[in-house]
Amino acid sequence: MKKLPEVNVSFEELYRMLIGPIKSKLLLVGIELGVFNQLSEPRSAEAVAKTLSTHPVNTRLFLDGLAASDLVVKKNGLFQNTPVTQTFLVEGSPTFLFKSVRSRTLDTDWGPMDLDIGRK
C-alpha cells in the first residue's frame, strides 16, 4: 500500500464548507415539515413518520442526519430536540424563529440537494 505524505495542515475548514449546505438543508427541511414540533419528548422515527405521514425508513435516515448535525439527540433509538432546537424551532414557543428563518433561506435554490423523505 502506498504511504500517504505527511501533512501539517488541517482539512477541517474545507470539510466544514463541504458539509455546510447539507446541514443547512437538513435544518430547513426539518423546519418546513414540522419535525422539531414532534421532538419535544423522545420519540421513535416510526412515531414521527406516522404523525408526519412520511416514509418510516426515510424519516429514520433524516432524523439520523439531524442527530449527526447536532440538531437532535438520539438515545436508545429515540430522537429528541436539543435545547437550542427546542427553544427556537418549536412552533408555539415565544422564541420560535421559523418565519425569520424561512423568509431568509427557504427560497434558496438547492438544485440536486433537495431532500424528499417521502410524504404520503
PDB file of N, CA and C in Angstrom:
ATOM      1  N   MET A   1       0.828  -1.171   0.000  1.00  0.00           N
ATOM      2  CA  MET A   1       0.000   0.000   0.000  1.00  0.00           C
ATOM      3  C   MET A   1       0.884   1.250   0.000  1.00  0.00           C
ATOM      4  N   LYS A   2       0.444   2.253  -0.758  1.00  0.00           N
ATOM      5  CA  LYS A   2       1.198   3.484  -0.878  1.00  0.00           C
ATOM      6  C   LYS A   2       1.109   4.296   0.414  1.00  0.00           C
ATOM      7  N   LYS A   3       2.244   4.776   0.881  1.00  0.00           N
ATOM      8  CA  LYS A   3       2.282   5.584   2.096  1.00  0.00           C
ATOM      9  C   LYS A   3       1.847   7.016   1.766  1.00  0.00           C
ATOM     10  N   LEU A   4       0.963   7.547   2.603  1.00  0.00           N
ATOM     11  CA  LEU A   4       0.495   8.915   2.402  1.00  0.00           C
ATOM     12  C   LEU A   4       1.565   9.898   2.856  1.00  0.00           C
ATOM     13  N   PRO A   5       1.673  11.031   2.171  1.00  0.00           N
ATOM     14  CA  PRO A   5       2.657  12.033   2.599  1.00  0.00           C
ATOM     15  C   PRO A   5       2.243  12.667   3.919  1.00  0.00           C
ATOM     16  N   GLU A   6       3.221  13.139   4.661  1.00  0.00           N
ATOM     17  CA  GLU A   6       2.935  13.822   5.914  1.00  0.00           C
ATOM     18  C   GLU A   6       2.327  15.188   5.608  1.00  0.00           C
ATOM     19  N   VAL A   7       1.252  15.504   6.308  1.00  0.00           N
ATOM     20  CA  VAL A   7       0.568  16.779   6.098  1.00  0.00           C
ATOM     21  C   VAL A   7       0.537  17.525   7.423  1.00  0.00           C
ATOM     22  N   ASN A   8       0.924  18.786   7.386  1.00  0.00           N
ATOM     23  CA  ASN A   8       0.986  19.593   8.602  1.00  0.00           C
ATOM     24  C   ASN A   8      -0.096  20.664   8.664  1.00  0.00           C
ATOM     25  N   VAL A   9      -1.124  20.517   7.835  1.00  0.00           N
ATOM     26  CA  VAL A   9      -2.251  21.451   7.847  1.00  0.00           C
ATOM     27  C   VAL A   9      -3.542  20.653   7.981  1.00  0.00           C
ATOM     28  N   SER A  10      -4.570  21.331   8.447  1.00  0.00           N
ATOM     29  CA  SER A  10      -5.844  20.654   8.691  1.00  0.00           C
ATOM     30  C   SER A  10      -6.798  20.826   7.513  1.00  0.00           C
ATOM     31  N   PHE A  11      -7.547  19.797   7.230  1.00  0.00           N
ATOM     32  CA  PHE A  11      -8.602  19.790   6.205  1.00  0.00           C
ATOM     33  C   PHE A  11      -9.925  20.275   6.795  1.00  0.00           C
ATOM     34  N   GLU A  12      -9.960  20.544   8.099  1.00  0.00           N
ATOM     35  CA  GLU A  12     -11.203  20.820   8.815  1.00  0.00           C
ATOM     36  C   GLU A  12     -12.012  21.959   8.201  1.00  0.00           C
ATOM     37  N   GLU A  13     -11.404  23.067   7.858  1.00  0.00           N
ATOM     38  CA  GLU A  13     -12.138  24.209   7.305  1.00  0.00           C
ATOM     39  C   GLU A  13     -12.785  23.845   5.974  1.00  0.00           C
ATOM     40  N   LEU A  14     -12.080  23.141   5.125  1.00  0.00           N
ATOM     41  CA  LEU A  14     -12.655  22.705   3.846  1.00  0.00           C
ATOM     42  C   LEU A  14     -13.799  21.725   4.072  1.00  0.00           C
ATOM     43  N   TYR A  15     -13.618  20.832   5.017  1.00  0.00           N
ATOM     44  CA  TYR A  15     -14.668  19.862   5.338  1.00  0.00           C
ATOM     45  C   TYR A  15     -15.934  20.569   5.813  1.00  0.00           C
ATOM     46  N   ARG A  16     -15.783  21.568   6.694  1.00  0.00           N
ATOM     47  CA  ARG A  16     -16.953  22.325   7.177  1.00  0.00           C
ATOM     48  C   ARG A  16     -17.672  23.017   6.021  1.00  0.00           C
ATOM     49  N   MET A  17     -16.906  23.540   5.071  1.00  0.00           N
ATOM     50  CA  MET A  17     -17.518  24.179   3.904  1.00  0.00           C
ATOM     51  C   MET A  17     -18.287  23.168   3.057  1.00  0.00           C
ATOM     52  N   LEU A  18     -17.723  21.977   2.909  1.00  0.00           N
ATOM     53  CA  LEU A  18     -18.366  20.945   2.094  1.00  0.00           C
ATOM     54  C   LEU A  18     -19.670  20.451   2.703  1.00  0.00           C
ATOM     55  N   ILE A  19     -19.714  20.282   4.020  1.00  0.00           N
ATOM     56  CA  ILE A  19     -20.929  19.748   4.638  1.00  0.00           C
ATOM     57  C   ILE A  19     -21.901  20.830   5.084  1.00  0.00           C
ATOM     58  N   GLY A  20     -21.486  22.088   5.051  1.00  0.00           N
ATOM     59  CA  GLY A  20     -22.349  23.189   5.466  1.00  0.00           C
ATOM     60  C   GLY A  20     -23.693  23.219   4.749  1.00  0.00           C
ATOM     61  N   PRO A  21     -23.716  23.135   3.415  1.00  0.00           N
ATOM     62  CA  PRO A  21     -25.009  23.153   2.714  1.00  0.00           C
ATOM     63  C   PRO A  21     -25.898  21.968   3.067  1.00  0.00           C
ATOM     64  N   ILE A  22     -25.305  20.833   3.357  1.00  0.00           N
ATOM     65  CA  ILE A  22     -26.090  19.654   3.718  1.00  0.00           C
ATOM     66  C   ILE A  22     -26.759  19.874   5.070  1.00  0.00           C
ATOM     67  N   LYS A  23     -25.999  20.375   6.035  1.00  0.00           N
ATOM     68  CA  LYS A  23     -26.563  20.654   7.357  1.00  0.00           C
ATOM     69  C   LYS A  23     -27.665  21.705   7.271  1.00  0.00           C
ATOM     70  N   SER A  24     -27.442  22.724   6.455  1.00  0.00           N
ATOM     71  CA  SER A  24     -28.461  23.767   6.286  1.00  0.00           C
ATOM     72  C   SER A  24     -29.738  23.194   5.710  1.00  0.00           C
ATOM     73  N   LYS A  25     -29.612  22.327   4.721  1.00  0.00           N
ATOM     74  CA  LYS A  25     -30.801  21.745   4.109  1.00  0.00           C
ATOM     75  C   LYS A  25     -31.527  20.842   5.096  1.00  0.00           C
ATOM     76  N   LEU A  26     -30.806  20.078   5.880  1.00  0.00           N
ATOM     77  CA  LEU A  26     -31.447  19.257   6.909  1.00  0.00           C
ATOM     78  C   LEU A  26     -32.249  20.135   7.869  1.00  0.00           C
ATOM     79  N   LEU A  27     -31.652  21.214   8.305  1.00  0.00           N
ATOM     80  CA  LEU A  27     -32.331  22.142   9.205  1.00  0.00           C
ATOM     81  C   LEU A  27     -33.592  22.712   8.563  1.00  0.00           C
ATOM     82  N   LEU A  28     -33.472  23.181   7.341  1.00  0.00           N
ATOM     83  CA  LEU A  28     -34.605  23.821   6.671  1.00  0.00           C
ATOM     84  C   LEU A  28     -35.746  22.848   6.386  1.00  0.00           C
ATOM     85  N   VAL A  29     -35.419  21.644   5.962  1.00  0.00           N
ATOM     86  CA  VAL A  29     -36.461  20.643   5.718  1.00  0.00           C
ATOM     87  C   VAL A  29     -37.128  20.261   7.035  1.00  0.00           C
ATOM     88  N   GLY A  30     -36.333  20.145   8.098  1.00  0.00           N
ATOM     89  CA  GLY A  30     -36.901  19.848   9.410  1.00  0.00           C
ATOM     90  C   GLY A  30     -37.900  20.907   9.853  1.00  0.00           C
ATOM     91  N   ILE A  31     -37.570  22.170   9.613  1.00  0.00           N
ATOM     92  CA  ILE A  31     -38.485  23.263   9.943  1.00  0.00           C
ATOM     93  C   ILE A  31     -39.731  23.180   9.073  1.00  0.00           C
ATOM     94  N   GLU A  32     -39.534  23.027   7.773  1.00  0.00           N
ATOM     95  CA  GLU A  32     -40.654  23.011   6.826  1.00  0.00           C
ATOM     96  C   GLU A  32     -41.646  21.895   7.129  1.00  0.00           C
ATOM     97  N   LEU A  33     -41.149  20.718   7.508  1.00  0.00           N
ATOM     98  CA  LEU A  33     -42.022  19.574   7.790  1.00  0.00           C
ATOM     99  C   LEU A  33     -42.575  19.576   9.213  1.00  0.00           C
ATOM    100  N   GLY A  34     -42.056  20.444  10.063  1.00  0.00           N
ATOM    101  CA  GLY A  34     -42.510  20.466  11.455  1.00  0.00           C
ATOM    102  C   GLY A  34     -41.918  19.349  12.292  1.00  0.00           C
ATOM    103  N   VAL A  35     -40.762  18.849  11.895  1.00  0.00           N
ATOM    104  CA  VAL A  35     -40.126  17.738  12.614  1.00  0.00           C
ATOM    105  C   VAL A  35     -39.828  18.120  14.058  1.00  0.00           C
ATOM    106  N   PHE A  36     -39.317  19.329  14.273  1.00  0.00           N
ATOM    107  CA  PHE A  36     -38.924  19.726  15.625  1.00  0.00           C
ATOM    108  C   PHE A  36     -40.133  19.845  16.555  1.00  0.00           C
ATOM    109  N   ASN A  37     -41.303  20.109  15.982  1.00  0.00           N
ATOM    110  CA  ASN A  37     -42.532  20.155  16.789  1.00  0.00           C
ATOM    111  C   ASN A  37     -42.854  18.783  17.387  1.00  0.00           C
ATOM    112  N   GLN A  38     -42.371  17.736  16.755  1.00  0.00           N
ATOM    113  CA  GLN A  38     -42.662  16.366  17.188  1.00  0.00           C
ATOM    114  C   GLN A  38     -41.672  15.834  18.220  1.00  0.00           C
ATOM    115  N   LEU A  39     -40.587  16.573  18.459  1.00  0.00           N
ATOM    116  CA  LEU A  39     -39.491  16.005  19.250  1.00  0.00           C
ATOM    117  C   LEU A  39     -39.242  16.713  20.580  1.00  0.00           C
ATOM    118  N   SER A  40     -40.282  17.311  21.155  1.00  0.00           N
ATOM    119  CA  SER A  40     -40.130  17.907  22.485  1.00  0.00           C
ATOM    120  C   SER A  40     -39.888  16.819  23.531  1.00  0.00           C
ATOM    121  N   GLU A  41     -40.430  15.650  23.273  1.00  0.00           N
ATOM    122  CA  GLU A  41     -40.203  14.459  24.107  1.00  0.00           C
ATOM    123  C   GLU A  41     -39.555  13.396  23.219  1.00  0.00           C
ATOM    124  N   PRO A  42     -38.822  12.452  23.799  1.00  0.00           N
ATOM    125  CA  PRO A  42     -38.191  11.401  22.981  1.00  0.00           C
ATOM    126  C   PRO A  42     -39.238  10.611  22.190  1.00  0.00           C
ATOM    127  N   ARG A  43     -38.964  10.432  20.895  1.00  0.00           N
ATOM    128  CA  ARG A  43     -39.885   9.687  20.030  1.00  0.00           C
ATOM    129  C   ARG A  43     -39.083   8.842  19.049  1.00  0.00           C
ATOM    130  N   SER A  44     -39.685   7.750  18.637  1.00  0.00           N
ATOM    131  CA  SER A  44     -39.056   6.896  17.625  1.00  0.00           C
ATOM    132  C   SER A  44     -39.262   7.500  16.241  1.00  0.00           C
ATOM    133  N   ALA A  45     -38.416   7.096  15.317  1.00  0.00           N
ATOM    134  CA  ALA A  45     -38.567   7.545  13.928  1.00  0.00           C
ATOM    135  C   ALA A  45     -39.909   7.099  13.370  1.00  0.00           C
ATOM    136  N   GLU A  46     -40.343   5.907  13.743  1.00  0.00           N
ATOM    137  CA  GLU A  46     -41.619   5.383  13.247  1.00  0.00           C
ATOM    138  C   GLU A  46     -42.783   6.243  13.728  1.00  0.00           C
ATOM    139  N   ALA A  47     -42.739   6.685  14.987  1.00  0.00           N
ATOM    140  CA  ALA A  47     -43.800   7.537  15.525  1.00  0.00           C
ATOM    141  C   ALA A  47     -43.821   8.891  14.821  1.00  0.00           C
ATOM    142  N   VAL A  48     -42.641   9.440  14.562  1.00  0.00           N
ATOM    143  CA  VAL A  48     -42.558  10.713  13.848  1.00  0.00           C
ATOM    144  C   VAL A  48     -43.083  10.543  12.427  1.00  0.00           C
ATOM    145  N   ALA A  49     -42.686   9.474  11.769  1.00  0.00           N
ATOM    146  CA  ALA A  49     -43.142   9.220  10.393  1.00  0.00           C
ATOM    147  C   ALA A  49     -44.661   9.091  10.336  1.00  0.00           C
ATOM    148  N   LYS A  50     -45.228   8.401  11.302  1.00  0.00           N
ATOM    149  CA  LYS A  50     -46.683   8.228  11.319  1.00  0.00           C
ATOM    150  C   LYS A  50     -47.384   9.572  11.481  1.00  0.00           C
ATOM    151  N   THR A  51     -46.899  10.394  12.406  1.00  0.00           N
ATOM    152  CA  THR A  51     -47.503  11.706  12.643  1.00  0.00           C
ATOM    153  C   THR A  51     -47.374  12.616  11.424  1.00  0.00           C
ATOM    154  N   LEU A  52     -46.212  12.587  10.775  1.00  0.00           N
ATOM    155  CA  LEU A  52     -45.959  13.470   9.634  1.00  0.00           C
ATOM    156  C   LEU A  52     -46.417  12.873   8.300  1.00  0.00           C
ATOM    157  N   SER A  53     -46.866  11.624   8.326  1.00  0.00           N
ATOM    158  CA  SER A  53     -47.248  10.906   7.094  1.00  0.00           C
ATOM    159  C   SER A  53     -46.080  10.839   6.113  1.00  0.00           C
ATOM    160  N   THR A  54     -44.916  10.447   6.632  1.00  0.00           N
ATOM    161  CA  THR A  54     -43.726  10.282   5.802  1.00  0.00           C
ATOM    162  C   THR A  54     -43.281   8.821   5.835  1.00  0.00           C
ATOM    163  N   HIS A  55     -42.416   8.463   4.930  1.00  0.00           N
ATOM    164  CA  HIS A  55     -41.905   7.100   4.828  1.00  0.00           C
ATOM    165  C   HIS A  55     -41.043   6.796   6.057  1.00  0.00           C
ATOM    166  N   PRO A  56     -41.305   5.693   6.758  1.00  0.00           N
ATOM    167  CA  PRO A  56     -40.578   5.398   8.015  1.00  0.00           C
ATOM    168  C   PRO A  56     -39.068   5.268   7.863  1.00  0.00           C
ATOM    169  N   VAL A  57     -38.603   4.578   6.842  1.00  0.00           N
ATOM    170  CA  VAL A  57     -37.149   4.397   6.673  1.00  0.00           C
ATOM    171  C   VAL A  57     -36.491   5.726   6.326  1.00  0.00           C
ATOM    172  N   ASN A  58     -37.094   6.468   5.401  1.00  0.00           N
ATOM    173  CA  ASN A  58     -36.530   7.765   5.029  1.00  0.00           C
ATOM    174  C   ASN A  58     -36.553   8.730   6.206  1.00  0.00           C
ATOM    175  N   THR A  59     -37.583   8.658   7.021  1.00  0.00           N
ATOM    176  CA  THR A  59     -37.669   9.518   8.199  1.00  0.00           C
ATOM    177  C   THR A  59     -36.568   9.175   9.183  1.00  0.00           C
ATOM    178  N   ARG A  60     -36.308   7.886   9.393  1.00  0.00           N
ATOM    179  CA  ARG A  60     -35.218   7.500  10.301  1.00  0.00           C
ATOM    180  C   ARG A  60     -33.878   8.014   9.775  1.00  0.00           C
ATOM    181  N   LEU A  61     -33.641   7.874   8.480  1.00  0.00           N
ATOM    182  CA  LEU A  61     -32.393   8.367   7.894  1.00  0.00           C
ATOM    183  C   LEU A  61     -32.272   9.885   8.060  1.00  0.00           C
ATOM    184  N   PHE A  62     -33.386  10.571   7.849  1.00  0.00           N
ATOM    185  CA  PHE A  62     -33.401  12.024   8.008  1.00  0.00           C
ATOM    186  C   PHE A  62     -33.101  12.407   9.458  1.00  0.00           C
ATOM    187  N   LEU A  63     -33.760  11.744  10.411  1.00  0.00           N
ATOM    188  CA  LEU A  63     -33.518  12.026  11.826  1.00  0.00           C
ATOM    189  C   LEU A  63     -32.082  11.696  12.222  1.00  0.00           C
ATOM    190  N   ASP A  64     -31.515  10.640  11.653  1.00  0.00           N
ATOM    191  CA  ASP A  64     -30.102  10.335  11.903  1.00  0.00           C
ATOM    192  C   ASP A  64     -29.211  11.470  11.396  1.00  0.00           C
ATOM    193  N   GLY A  65     -29.578  12.053  10.250  1.00  0.00           N
ATOM    194  CA  GLY A  65     -28.837  13.201   9.727  1.00  0.00           C
ATOM    195  C   GLY A  65     -28.933  14.405  10.655  1.00  0.00           C
ATOM    196  N   LEU A  66     -30.124  14.641  11.200  1.00  0.00           N
ATOM    197  CA  LEU A  66     -30.282  15.731  12.166  1.00  0.00           C
ATOM    198  C   LEU A  66     -29.442  15.475  13.406  1.00  0.00           C
ATOM    199  N   ALA A  67     -29.390  14.214  13.847  1.00  0.00           N
ATOM    200  CA  ALA A  67     -28.580  13.860  15.022  1.00  0.00           C
ATOM    201  C   ALA A  67     -27.088  14.049  14.726  1.00  0.00           C
ATOM    202  N   ALA A  68     -26.657  13.649  13.544  1.00  0.00           N
ATOM    203  CA  ALA A  68     -25.252  13.819  13.168  1.00  0.00           C
ATOM    204  C   ALA A  68     -24.879  15.295  13.059  1.00  0.00           C
ATOM    205  N   SER A  69     -25.874  16.130  12.796  1.00  0.00           N
ATOM    206  CA  SER A  69     -25.654  17.574  12.694  1.00  0.00           C
ATOM    207  C   SER A  69     -25.861  18.286  14.032  1.00  0.00           C
ATOM    208  N   ASP A  70     -26.084  17.522  15.086  1.00  0.00           N
ATOM    209  CA  ASP A  70     -26.292  18.051  16.440  1.00  0.00           C
ATOM    210  C   ASP A  70     -27.540  18.925  16.557  1.00  0.00           C
ATOM    211  N   LEU A  71     -28.546  18.637  15.721  1.00  0.00           N
ATOM    212  CA  LEU A  71     -29.814  19.358  15.804  1.00  0.00           C
ATOM    213  C   LEU A  71     -30.831  18.604  16.657  1.00  0.00           C
ATOM    214  N   VAL A  72     -30.668  17.311  16.795  1.00  0.00           N
ATOM    215  CA  VAL A  72     -31.458  16.496  17.706  1.00  0.00           C
ATOM    216  C   VAL A  72     -30.517  15.518  18.392  1.00  0.00           C
ATOM    217  N   VAL A  73     -30.989  14.935  19.468  1.00  0.00           N
ATOM    218  CA  VAL A  73     -30.212  13.936  20.198  1.00  0.00           C
ATOM    219  C   VAL A  73     -30.865  12.583  19.958  1.00  0.00           C
ATOM    220  N   LYS A  74     -30.041  11.576  19.708  1.00  0.00           N
ATOM    221  CA  LYS A  74     -30.540  10.209  19.558  1.00  0.00           C
ATOM    222  C   LYS A  74     -30.000   9.385  20.719  1.00  0.00           C
ATOM    223  N   LYS A  75     -30.932   8.785  21.467  1.00  0.00           N
ATOM    224  CA  LYS A  75     -30.530   7.945  22.598  1.00  0.00           C
ATOM    225  C   LYS A  75     -31.459   6.745  22.647  1.00  0.00           C
ATOM    226  N   ASN A  76     -30.873   5.556  22.638  1.00  0.00           N
ATOM    227  CA  ASN A  76     -31.637   4.307  22.678  1.00  0.00           C
ATOM    228  C   ASN A  76     -32.700   4.238  21.579  1.00  0.00           C
ATOM    229  N   GLY A  77     -32.347   4.737  20.402  1.00  0.00           N
ATOM    230  CA  GLY A  77     -33.258   4.674  19.260  1.00  0.00           C
ATOM    231  C   GLY A  77     -34.355   5.716  19.253  1.00  0.00           C
ATOM    232  N   LEU A  78     -34.336   6.622  20.225  1.00  0.00           N
ATOM    233  CA  LEU A  78     -35.339   7.684  20.292  1.00  0.00           C
ATOM    234  C   LEU A  78     -34.679   9.032  20.016  1.00  0.00           C
ATOM    235  N   PHE A  79     -35.433   9.913  19.387  1.00  0.00           N
ATOM    236  CA  PHE A  79     -34.925  11.223  18.992  1.00  0.00           C
ATOM    237  C   PHE A  79     -35.608  12.304  19.815  1.00  0.00           C
ATOM    238  N   GLN A  80     -34.847  13.346  20.178  1.00  0.00           N
ATOM    239  CA  GLN A  80     -35.395  14.458  20.934  1.00  0.00           C
ATOM    240  C   GLN A  80     -34.633  15.731  20.555  1.00  0.00           C
ATOM    241  N   ASN A  81     -35.326  16.865  20.635  1.00  0.00           N
ATOM    242  CA  ASN A  81     -34.697  18.147  20.351  1.00  0.00           C
ATOM    243  C   ASN A  81     -33.535  18.421  21.299  1.00  0.00           C
ATOM    244  N   THR A  82     -32.573  19.176  20.798  1.00  0.00           N
ATOM    245  CA  THR A  82     -31.535  19.737  21.662  1.00  0.00           C
ATOM    246  C   THR A  82     -32.141  20.966  22.346  1.00  0.00           C
ATOM    247  N   PRO A  83     -31.503  21.499  23.361  1.00  0.00           N
ATOM    248  CA  PRO A  83     -32.032  22.730  23.968  1.00  0.00           C
ATOM    249  C   PRO A  83     -32.189  23.879  22.953  1.00  0.00           C
ATOM    250  N   VAL A  84     -31.282  23.982  22.013  1.00  0.00           N
ATOM    251  CA  VAL A  84     -31.370  25.056  21.007  1.00  0.00           C
ATOM    252  C   VAL A  84     -32.562  24.848  20.079  1.00  0.00           C
ATOM    253  N   THR A  85     -32.739  23.638  19.552  1.00  0.00           N
ATOM    254  CA  THR A  85     -33.875  23.412  18.658  1.00  0.00           C
ATOM    255  C   THR A  85     -35.195  23.510  19.407  1.00  0.00           C
ATOM    256  N   GLN A  86     -35.224  23.077  20.654  1.00  0.00           N
ATOM    257  CA  GLN A  86     -36.443  23.193  21.453  1.00  0.00           C
ATOM    258  C   GLN A  86     -36.812  24.659  21.674  1.00  0.00           C
ATOM    259  N   THR A  87     -35.822  25.482  21.894  1.00  0.00           N
ATOM    260  CA  THR A  87     -36.060  26.895  22.172  1.00  0.00           C
ATOM    261  C   THR A  87     -36.482  27.676  20.936  1.00  0.00           C
ATOM    262  N   PHE A  88     -35.823  27.429  19.798  1.00  0.00           N
ATOM    263  CA  PHE A  88     -36.016  28.289  18.634  1.00  0.00           C
ATOM    264  C   PHE A  88     -36.798  27.683  17.476  1.00  0.00           C
ATOM    265  N   LEU A  89     -37.004  26.359  17.451  1.00  0.00           N
ATOM    266  CA  LEU A  89     -37.598  25.736  16.266  1.00  0.00           C
ATOM    267  C   LEU A  89     -38.903  24.997  16.521  1.00  0.00           C
ATOM    268  N   VAL A  90     -39.492  25.175  17.695  1.00  0.00           N
ATOM    269  CA  VAL A  90     -40.773  24.540  18.015  1.00  0.00           C
ATOM    270  C   VAL A  90     -41.870  25.602  17.951  1.00  0.00           C
ATOM    271  N   GLU A  91     -42.838  25.365  17.067  1.00  0.00           N
ATOM    272  CA  GLU A  91     -43.952  26.309  16.928  1.00  0.00           C
ATOM    273  C   GLU A  91     -44.665  26.462  18.269  1.00  0.00           C
ATOM    274  N   GLY A  92     -45.080  27.685  18.559  1.00  0.00           N
ATOM    275  CA  GLY A  92     -45.760  27.958  19.810  1.00  0.00           C
ATOM    276  C   GLY A  92     -44.822  28.479  20.888  1.00  0.00           C
ATOM    277  N   SER A  93     -43.529  28.248  20.708  1.00  0.00           N
ATOM    278  CA  SER A  93     -42.557  28.784  21.650  1.00  0.00           C
ATOM    279  C   SER A  93     -42.480  30.303  21.454  1.00  0.00           C
ATOM    280  N   PRO A  94     -42.355  31.074  22.532  1.00  0.00           N
ATOM    281  CA  PRO A  94     -42.241  32.528  22.371  1.00  0.00           C
ATOM    282  C   PRO A  94     -40.974  32.947  21.623  1.00  0.00           C
ATOM    283  N   THR A  95     -40.016  32.018  21.510  1.00  0.00           N
ATOM    284  CA  THR A  95     -38.767  32.326  20.817  1.00  0.00           C
ATOM    285  C   THR A  95     -38.664  31.613  19.462  1.00  0.00           C
ATOM    286  N   PHE A  96     -39.787  31.129  18.939  1.00  0.00           N
ATOM    287  CA  PHE A  96     -39.833  30.419  17.659  1.00  0.00           C
ATOM    288  C   PHE A  96     -39.358  31.333  16.527  1.00  0.00           C
ATOM    289  N   LEU A  97     -38.402  30.865  15.724  1.00  0.00           N
ATOM    290  CA  LEU A  97     -37.798  31.677  14.664  1.00  0.00           C
ATOM    291  C   LEU A  97     -38.188  31.252  13.251  1.00  0.00           C
ATOM    292  N   PHE A  98     -39.171  30.388  13.097  1.00  0.00           N
ATOM    293  CA  PHE A  98     -39.488  29.838  11.777  1.00  0.00           C
ATOM    294  C   PHE A  98     -39.702  30.898  10.721  1.00  0.00           C
ATOM    295  N   LYS A  99     -40.519  31.881  10.982  1.00  0.00           N
ATOM    296  CA  LYS A  99     -40.805  32.886   9.956  1.00  0.00           C
ATOM    297  C   LYS A  99     -39.553  33.633   9.563  1.00  0.00           C
ATOM    298  N   SER A 100     -38.721  33.949  10.515  1.00  0.00           N
ATOM    299  CA  SER A 100     -37.476  34.642  10.225  1.00  0.00           C
ATOM    300  C   SER A 100     -36.547  33.764   9.387  1.00  0.00           C
ATOM    301  N   VAL A 101     -36.406  32.501   9.765  1.00  0.00           N
ATOM    302  CA  VAL A 101     -35.533  31.583   9.028  1.00  0.00           C
ATOM    303  C   VAL A 101     -36.087  31.339   7.635  1.00  0.00           C
ATOM    304  N   ARG A 102     -37.376  31.084   7.535  1.00  0.00           N
ATOM    305  CA  ARG A 102     -37.978  30.778   6.234  1.00  0.00           C
ATOM    306  C   ARG A 102     -37.849  31.946   5.273  1.00  0.00           C
ATOM    307  N   SER A 103     -38.110  33.146   5.735  1.00  0.00           N
ATOM    308  CA  SER A 103     -38.072  34.292   4.839  1.00  0.00           C
ATOM    309  C   SER A 103     -36.672  34.546   4.294  1.00  0.00           C
ATOM    310  N   ARG A 104     -35.671  34.091   5.008  1.00  0.00           N
ATOM    311  CA  ARG A 104     -34.300  34.336   4.564  1.00  0.00           C
ATOM    312  C   ARG A 104     -33.696  33.206   3.754  1.00  0.00           C
ATOM    313  N   THR A 105     -34.144  31.966   3.962  1.00  0.00           N
ATOM    314  CA  THR A 105     -33.384  30.867   3.367  1.00  0.00           C
ATOM    315  C   THR A 105     -34.179  29.811   2.629  1.00  0.00           C
ATOM    316  N   LEU A 106     -35.453  29.629   2.899  1.00  0.00           N
ATOM    317  CA  LEU A 106     -36.163  28.522   2.272  1.00  0.00           C
ATOM    318  C   LEU A 106     -36.344  28.693   0.776  1.00  0.00           C
ATOM    319  N   ASP A 107     -36.205  29.914   0.276  1.00  0.00           N
ATOM    320  CA  ASP A 107     -36.360  30.136  -1.150  1.00  0.00           C
ATOM    321  C   ASP A 107     -35.062  29.916  -1.915  1.00  0.00           C
ATOM    322  N   THR A 108     -34.013  29.492  -1.241  1.00  0.00           N
ATOM    323  CA  THR A 108     -32.735  29.223  -1.890  1.00  0.00           C
ATOM    324  C   THR A 108     -32.869  28.048  -2.837  1.00  0.00           C
ATOM    325  N   ASP A 109     -32.268  28.148  -4.000  1.00  0.00           N
ATOM    326  CA  ASP A 109     -32.298  27.055  -4.967  1.00  0.00           C
ATOM    327  C   ASP A 109     -31.208  26.050  -4.621  1.00  0.00           C
ATOM    328  N   TRP A 110     -31.622  24.882  -4.127  1.00  0.00           N
ATOM    329  CA  TRP A 110     -30.670  23.862  -3.700  1.00  0.00           C
ATOM    330  C   TRP A 110     -30.399  22.838  -4.781  1.00  0.00           C
ATOM    331  N   GLY A 111     -31.055  22.968  -5.920  1.00  0.00           N
ATOM    332  CA  GLY A 111     -30.805  22.076  -7.035  1.00  0.00           C
ATOM    333  C   GLY A 111     -30.878  20.610  -6.651  1.00  0.00           C
ATOM    334  N   PRO A 112     -29.835  19.841  -7.009  1.00  0.00           N
ATOM    335  CA  PRO A 112     -29.889  18.387  -6.792  1.00  0.00           C
ATOM    336  C   PRO A 112     -29.829  17.974  -5.331  1.00  0.00           C
ATOM    337  N   MET A 113     -29.680  18.901  -4.395  1.00  0.00           N
ATOM    338  CA  MET A 113     -29.592  18.540  -2.986  1.00  0.00           C
ATOM    339  C   MET A 113     -30.961  18.489  -2.326  1.00  0.00           C
ATOM    340  N   ASP A 114     -32.042  18.739  -3.068  1.00  0.00           N
ATOM    341  CA  ASP A 114     -33.365  18.698  -2.468  1.00  0.00           C
ATOM    342  C   ASP A 114     -33.580  17.355  -1.764  1.00  0.00           C
ATOM    343  N   LEU A 115     -34.165  17.416  -0.578  1.00  0.00           N
ATOM    344  CA  LEU A 115     -34.430  16.216   0.209  1.00  0.00           C
ATOM    345  C   LEU A 115     -35.903  15.860   0.128  1.00  0.00           C
ATOM    346  N   ASP A 116     -36.171  14.595   0.001  1.00  0.00           N
ATOM    347  CA  ASP A 116     -37.554  14.117  -0.014  1.00  0.00           C
ATOM    348  C   ASP A 116     -37.616  12.913   0.908  1.00  0.00           C
ATOM    349  N   ILE A 117     -38.333  13.060   2.028  1.00  0.00           N
ATOM    350  CA  ILE A 117     -38.423  11.921   2.936  1.00  0.00           C
ATOM    351  C   ILE A 117     -39.720  11.169   2.753  1.00  0.00           C
ATOM    352  N   GLY A 118     -40.365  11.383   1.601  1.00  0.00           N
ATOM    353  CA  GLY A 118     -41.488  10.528   1.217  1.00  0.00           C
ATOM    354  C   GLY A 118     -42.810  10.887   1.809  1.00  0.00           C
ATOM    355  N   ARG A 119     -43.262  12.116   1.635  1.00  0.00           N
ATOM    356  CA  ARG A 119     -44.609  12.477   2.084  1.00  0.00           C
ATOM    357  C   ARG A 119     -45.616  11.594   1.391  1.00  0.00           C
ATOM    358  N   LYS A 120     -46.569  11.086   2.162  1.00  0.00           N
ATOM    359  CA  LYS A 120     -47.595  10.209   1.600  1.00  0.00           C
ATOM    360  C   LYS A 120     -48.723  11.020   1.034  1.00  0.00           C
TER     361      LYS A 120
END
